[in-house]
Amino acid sequence: MKYTSIIVIVLVMISGLVSCNSQRSKEIKAEWQLVWEEDFDGSDIDYTVWSKIPRGKSDWNNYMSDYDSLYEVANGNLILRGIVNNVLPNDTAPFITGGVYTKDKIVFGEGRLEIRAKLNGAKGAWPAFWMLPEDAQWPHGGEIDIMERLDYDSIVYQTVHTNYTYNLNIKNPPNGATAPINPEDYNTYAVEKRKDTLSFFVNNNLTFQYPRIETDKVGQFPFNDQDFYLLIDMQLGGSWVGKVDPETLPVEMYIDRVRFYTTP
């Protein structure tokens, strides 16, 4: 009898959570109009939308590669990989990773950008979905981190970077938060960009908001002055996530869809 009661309580809690998420989904559908979607239902990357991210000198892009096996479109997913580099003898990087962005192809203004994805873990894995402005020097134009995950974490980080938060180091209002995810399944990550507020979500649950405030400091809220492009990348290692354990590689993330909504 005791076990039956516990099961009933758990089922009631799950039912309530599903009901809340379902209600939130209905509210989103009522508030926003879908204007663009990438569902990865083909057999290859659509290069009219996406480009492979080139290698750079920062932690987030210093292992980027255009090696074909890091990229796959299959079963309605874009699959991005991070692997030990034992396949490119002329490349001295110990690891190589895949990433795509919409730079110079598609930009996003005010609206809701949403990514549904499954993130596999590895020691030193650092997958991210984030946004940068087309024409502005970092961090003055702002950076919107929709999702960053470290290692095997069951949480993700959602963060805003600007001249105000980075160069001036002012964290009032708070410029980031963490949110729980189901690490074994798909989760949905979103940001809603409005004239005076950025709102972040995981699985339709509001995680935090970053508002425009009255201040005499420069660069507190540059987000409504320009359009942003989207980056989706699987990176390995760096000063934040730490060292990579090659024994835990390869690592993959699966991007099921990307959606952009605006107000009707």
Foldseek 3Di string as FASTA:
>chain_A
DVVVVVVVVVVVVVVVVVVVLVVLVVVQVVFWDFDDKDQLPDWADDVLFKDKDAADDAQFRPQEDVPPVQWTRPPRWTKGKKAQPPDDVVDPDRIHTTKMKRAPRDWDAAFKKKWKKAWWFFQQKKWWKKKDFNDDDPPALKIWTQWIDAGQDQKTKTFIDHCCCPVVVDCVPNGIFMDGHDNGHIKMWMWGDDPFKIWIDISSHTTDMQGDDDDPDHRRDNRNVGIIMMMTIIGGADPVRHHGDNVRDITMMIIRMMITIDGD
